[in-house]
Amino acid sequence: MKKSVIFLGFILTLILFENSHAQGVRSHDYNTIGWYNAFLTYPLDSKWSLHGEFQWRRSELIKEAQQNLYRTGVNYQLHPSVLLRGGFAFADTYPYGKVPIQTTAKLFPEYRTYQMIQINNPIGKIALSHRFILEQRWIGVFSNTALSKVNDYVYVNRARYMARVQVPLASLFLERNAPYLAAYDEVMIGFGKNINQNIFDQNRVGGLFGLKLSDHVRMEAGYINQIIQFGRMVEDRELFQHNSGLIWNTYINL
């Protein structure tokens, strides 16, 4: 119990830090989002498996496009509590919101490679997990606003850490596949020579209600809050984008 209290205190500290960091003389842009995600795992043997996912991210809850993200990878179960993954990702980002991420206000692609380690640390019935990711990102850019497609790519690095706590509701539901509540916080830090204003890249906080439908399918839905710091100045001021709304995750294990 002591460890879980410390863990929850850590998450709360991160939330308060990011909220205070995003105040003051900086500019702010607020949007309502909806993220609808599907994750697929295909086991090869007791150690190895394949990972695939698609994240359909929308602005105005579902009305407008925000981003489409595709990610693939190979998993290796190093230990019952330690999962390793490496792979590739591709994202299309749209010019959503009042202030677009790039000044050209056009669709731009991004290619990534990544390496991940996930550590599960259960405390009784409470499931704690820590996820660390390193990303190598090639972000498409336009050399001038007259172009219809990107003609160059900027390379940046990003480190990510996510802490998540999951609590079953078994005391309220007697069936074997009892629902659960989960909360998480993920902070992303950019590093390398091409990082501009956004060494702090973004932070994501979420609260979820989940349900295991079968041995192969699990779903969860809830609230997500995303804070993004732009890599460029807007009217000579740093800009923080605040996106909040619905998140829906579907996990399929074949």
Protein backbone atom coordinates (compact mmCIF):
# COMPACT_ATOMS: atom_id res chain seq x y z
CA MET A 1 0.00 0.00 0.00
CA LYS A 2 2.87 2.38 0.83
CA LYS A 3 4.36 1.88 -2.67
CA SER A 4 1.01 2.54 -4.35
CA VAL A 5 0.57 5.80 -2.39
CA ILE A 6 4.07 6.93 -3.44
CA PHE A 7 3.29 6.00 -7.05
CA LEU A 8 0.00 7.95 -7.10
CA GLY A 9 1.76 10.90 -5.49
CA PHE A 10 4.35 10.80 -8.26
CA ILE A 11 1.64 10.94 -10.95
CA LEU A 12 -0.10 13.84 -9.18
CA THR A 13 3.22 15.72 -8.96
CA LEU A 14 3.77 15.32 -12.70
CA ILE A 15 0.26 16.61 -13.46
CA LEU A 16 0.66 19.65 -11.22
CA PHE A 17 4.12 20.37 -12.63
CA GLU A 18 2.97 20.31 -16.24
CA ASN A 19 -0.12 22.41 -15.50
CA SER A 20 1.98 25.06 -13.75
CA HIS A 21 4.62 24.88 -16.48
CA ALA A 22 2.00 25.72 -19.09
CA GLN A 23 0.82 28.93 -17.39
CA GLY A 24 2.09 32.50 -17.46
CA VAL A 25 2.94 34.71 -20.43
CA ARG A 26 2.85 31.87 -22.96
CA SER A 27 0.09 31.48 -25.55
CA HIS A 28 -2.42 28.64 -25.34
CA ASP A 29 -4.65 26.81 -27.82
CA TYR A 30 -7.48 24.51 -26.66
CA ASN A 31 -9.05 21.66 -28.65
CA THR A 32 -11.45 18.77 -28.09
CA ILE A 33 -10.10 15.45 -29.35
CA GLY A 34 -11.16 11.82 -29.78
CA TRP A 35 -8.59 9.02 -30.01
CA TYR A 36 -9.79 5.61 -31.24
CA ASN A 37 -7.08 2.98 -31.11
CA ALA A 38 -6.67 -0.71 -31.95
CA PHE A 39 -3.72 -2.84 -30.75
CA LEU A 40 -2.96 -6.33 -32.07
CA THR A 41 -0.61 -8.97 -30.65
CA TYR A 42 0.22 -12.15 -32.59
CA PRO A 43 2.28 -14.67 -30.57
CA LEU A 44 4.99 -16.63 -32.38
CA ASP A 45 6.08 -18.72 -29.38
CA SER A 46 6.38 -18.33 -25.60
CA LYS A 47 8.93 -15.49 -25.94
CA TRP A 48 8.39 -13.78 -29.30
CA SER A 49 5.34 -12.00 -30.71
CA LEU A 50 4.39 -9.42 -33.34
CA HIS A 51 2.81 -6.07 -32.51
CA GLY A 52 0.61 -3.88 -34.70
CA GLU A 53 -1.55 -0.85 -34.00
CA PHE A 54 -3.57 1.88 -35.64
CA GLN A 55 -4.54 5.09 -33.86
CA TRP A 56 -7.28 7.17 -35.45
CA ARG A 57 -6.91 10.57 -33.79
CA ARG A 58 -9.58 13.18 -34.38
CA SER A 59 -10.17 16.85 -33.56
CA GLU A 60 -13.59 18.18 -32.52
CA LEU A 61 -14.09 14.73 -30.93
CA ILE A 62 -14.58 12.97 -34.29
CA LYS A 63 -15.44 15.64 -36.88
CA GLU A 64 -11.97 16.61 -38.16
CA ALA A 65 -8.69 14.76 -38.68
CA GLN A 66 -5.87 15.27 -36.19
CA GLN A 67 -3.46 12.41 -36.89
CA ASN A 68 -3.30 8.85 -38.22
CA LEU A 69 -0.62 6.73 -36.56
CA TYR A 70 0.53 3.27 -37.68
CA ARG A 71 3.02 1.31 -35.56
CA THR A 72 4.51 -2.16 -35.93
CA GLY A 73 7.06 -4.01 -33.84
CA VAL A 74 8.55 -7.24 -32.56
CA ASN A 75 8.11 -8.19 -28.90
CA TYR A 76 10.44 -10.26 -26.75
CA GLN A 77 9.36 -11.40 -23.27
CA LEU A 78 12.67 -11.08 -21.45
CA HIS A 79 11.07 -11.89 -18.07
CA PRO A 80 7.47 -12.46 -16.93
CA SER A 81 7.51 -8.80 -15.82
CA VAL A 82 9.74 -7.32 -18.57
CA LEU A 83 8.72 -6.84 -22.21
CA LEU A 84 11.06 -5.54 -24.92
CA ARG A 85 9.89 -4.13 -28.26
CA GLY A 86 11.48 -2.54 -31.30
CA GLY A 87 9.94 -1.43 -34.54
CA PHE A 88 8.76 1.24 -36.94
CA ALA A 89 5.98 3.83 -37.04
CA PHE A 90 4.43 6.21 -39.53
CA ALA A 91 2.17 9.18 -38.81
CA ASP A 92 0.21 11.69 -40.90
CA THR A 93 -0.47 14.92 -38.99
CA TYR A 94 -3.19 17.30 -40.17
CA PRO A 95 -3.47 21.09 -39.67
CA TYR A 96 -6.06 20.94 -36.87
CA GLY A 97 -6.93 23.59 -34.27
CA LYS A 98 -6.65 27.36 -34.41
CA VAL A 99 -2.86 27.25 -34.63
CA PRO A 100 -1.32 24.48 -36.80
CA ILE A 101 1.83 22.71 -35.65
CA GLN A 102 3.70 23.81 -38.80
CA THR A 103 3.40 27.32 -40.24
CA THR A 104 2.43 25.93 -43.67
CA ALA A 105 -0.82 24.53 -42.19
CA LYS A 106 -0.58 21.44 -44.39
CA LEU A 107 -0.61 17.68 -43.94
CA PHE A 108 2.89 16.37 -43.17
CA PRO A 109 4.29 12.84 -42.64
CA GLU A 110 6.62 11.47 -39.99
CA TYR A 111 8.66 8.28 -39.94
CA ARG A 112 9.98 6.71 -36.74
CA THR A 113 12.03 3.85 -35.38
CA TYR A 114 11.70 3.08 -31.69
CA GLN A 115 12.91 0.88 -28.84
CA MET A 116 10.73 0.10 -25.81
CA ILE A 117 11.02 -1.60 -22.44
CA GLN A 118 7.94 -2.17 -20.27
CA ILE A 119 8.23 -3.27 -16.65
CA ASN A 120 5.22 -4.59 -14.72
CA ASN A 121 5.33 -4.23 -10.93
CA PRO A 122 2.13 -5.55 -9.33
CA ILE A 123 1.39 -4.78 -5.68
CA GLY A 124 -1.28 -7.19 -4.56
CA LYS A 125 -4.25 -6.70 -6.88
CA ILE A 126 -2.97 -3.31 -8.05
CA ALA A 127 -1.09 -3.49 -11.35
CA LEU A 128 1.70 -0.93 -11.76
CA SER A 129 3.66 -0.58 -14.99
CA HIS A 130 6.49 1.59 -16.28
CA ARG A 131 7.16 2.09 -19.98
CA PHE A 132 10.30 3.66 -21.44
CA ILE A 133 10.58 4.47 -25.17
CA LEU A 134 13.35 5.98 -27.29
CA GLU A 135 12.24 7.33 -30.68
CA GLN A 136 14.21 8.37 -33.73
CA ARG A 137 11.95 10.70 -35.75
CA TRP A 138 12.12 11.99 -39.33
CA ILE A 139 9.56 14.82 -39.61
CA GLY A 140 8.51 16.11 -43.02
CA VAL A 141 8.87 19.85 -43.62
CA PHE A 142 8.22 22.34 -46.43
CA SER A 143 11.02 24.63 -47.64
CA ASN A 144 8.37 27.16 -48.77
CA THR A 145 4.61 27.56 -48.49
CA ALA A 146 4.01 27.13 -52.24
CA LEU A 147 4.82 23.41 -52.11
CA SER A 148 1.96 20.92 -51.90
CA LYS A 149 4.14 18.11 -50.46
CA VAL A 150 7.08 18.02 -48.07
CA ASN A 151 10.50 18.23 -49.74
CA ASP A 152 12.76 17.65 -46.73
CA TYR A 153 12.91 15.87 -43.37
CA VAL A 154 14.22 17.02 -39.98
CA TYR A 155 15.68 14.41 -37.64
CA VAL A 156 14.97 14.63 -33.90
CA ASN A 157 15.15 12.28 -30.91
CA ARG A 158 12.55 11.83 -28.21
CA ALA A 159 12.49 9.97 -24.87
CA ARG A 160 9.18 8.88 -23.33
CA TYR A 161 8.24 7.59 -19.89
CA MET A 162 4.77 6.39 -18.91
CA ALA A 163 3.61 5.30 -15.45
CA ARG A 164 0.28 3.49 -15.19
CA VAL A 165 -1.76 2.10 -12.28
CA GLN A 166 -4.67 -0.32 -12.75
CA VAL A 167 -7.13 -1.37 -10.03
CA PRO A 168 -9.68 -4.19 -10.54
CA LEU A 169 -13.28 -3.74 -9.44
CA ALA A 170 -13.58 -7.38 -8.36
CA SER A 171 -15.29 -6.42 -5.08
CA LEU A 172 -18.16 -4.90 -7.06
CA PHE A 173 -18.31 -7.46 -9.87
CA LEU A 174 -18.10 -11.18 -9.08
CA GLU A 175 -17.54 -12.52 -12.60
CA ARG A 176 -14.04 -13.68 -13.57
CA ASN A 177 -13.43 -10.95 -16.16
CA ALA A 178 -14.08 -8.09 -13.76
CA PRO A 179 -13.79 -4.51 -15.07
CA TYR A 180 -11.06 -2.20 -13.84
CA LEU A 181 -10.08 1.44 -13.44
CA ALA A 182 -6.74 2.74 -14.73
CA ALA A 183 -4.83 6.03 -14.69
CA TYR A 184 -1.60 6.97 -16.41
CA ASP A 185 0.77 9.84 -17.08
CA GLU A 186 3.28 9.97 -19.93
CA VAL A 187 5.92 12.66 -20.37
CA MET A 188 7.92 13.13 -23.59
CA ILE A 189 11.25 14.95 -23.83
CA GLY A 190 12.97 15.93 -27.07
CA PHE A 191 16.75 15.96 -27.38
CA GLY A 192 19.38 16.45 -30.06
CA LYS A 193 20.68 19.30 -32.21
CA ASN A 194 17.40 19.97 -34.05
CA ILE A 195 15.29 20.52 -30.93
CA ASN A 196 14.07 24.11 -30.72
CA GLN A 197 11.58 25.40 -28.14
CA ASN A 198 10.16 22.00 -27.24
CA ILE A 199 12.71 20.15 -25.13
CA PHE A 200 9.56 19.41 -23.15
CA ASP A 201 7.63 17.93 -26.06
CA GLN A 202 4.33 16.91 -24.51
CA ASN A 203 2.53 15.29 -21.61
CA ARG A 204 -0.48 12.96 -21.59
CA VAL A 205 -2.74 12.16 -18.65
CA GLY A 206 -5.62 9.69 -18.83
CA GLY A 207 -8.27 7.96 -16.75
CA LEU A 208 -9.88 4.77 -18.07
CA PHE A 209 -12.62 2.23 -17.41
CA GLY A 210 -11.69 -1.15 -18.84
CA LEU A 211 -13.30 -4.53 -19.40
CA LYS A 212 -11.86 -7.86 -20.49
CA LEU A 213 -14.44 -9.29 -22.88
CA SER A 214 -12.66 -12.62 -23.41
CA ASP A 215 -9.21 -14.20 -23.26
CA HIS A 216 -8.45 -12.45 -26.56
CA VAL A 217 -10.24 -9.08 -26.44
CA ARG A 218 -10.04 -6.21 -23.97
CA MET A 219 -11.52 -2.71 -24.25
CA GLU A 220 -11.11 0.48 -22.26
CA ALA A 221 -12.47 4.00 -22.62
CA GLY A 222 -12.13 7.24 -20.74
CA TYR A 223 -10.67 10.75 -20.64
CA ILE A 224 -7.35 11.98 -22.04
CA ASN A 225 -5.60 15.32 -21.63
CA GLN A 226 -2.65 16.16 -23.87
CA ILE A 227 -0.34 19.19 -23.55
CA ILE A 228 1.97 19.90 -26.49
CA GLN A 229 4.68 22.54 -26.59
CA PHE A 230 5.30 23.81 -30.12
CA GLY A 231 8.82 23.73 -31.47
CA ARG A 232 8.33 27.18 -33.00
CA MET A 233 7.45 30.60 -31.63
CA VAL A 234 4.02 32.05 -32.45
CA GLU A 235 3.94 35.85 -32.44
CA ASP A 236 7.22 35.79 -30.48
CA ARG A 237 5.67 33.70 -27.72
CA GLU A 238 5.92 30.04 -26.74
CA LEU A 239 2.70 28.20 -27.53
CA PHE A 240 1.18 25.34 -25.56
CA GLN A 241 -1.62 23.33 -27.11
CA HIS A 242 -4.15 21.72 -24.74
CA ASN A 243 -6.13 18.80 -26.18
CA SER A 244 -8.68 16.92 -24.09
CA GLY A 245 -11.50 14.51 -24.79
CA LEU A 246 -12.33 10.84 -25.31
CA ILE A 247 -9.96 7.89 -25.71
CA TRP A 248 -11.09 4.38 -26.69
CA ASN A 249 -8.64 1.45 -26.81
CA THR A 250 -9.25 -2.05 -28.15
CA TYR A 251 -6.67 -4.78 -27.49
CA ILE A 252 -6.74 -8.02 -29.50
CA ASN A 253 -4.45 -10.93 -28.62
CA LEU A 254 -4.53 -13.73 -31.19
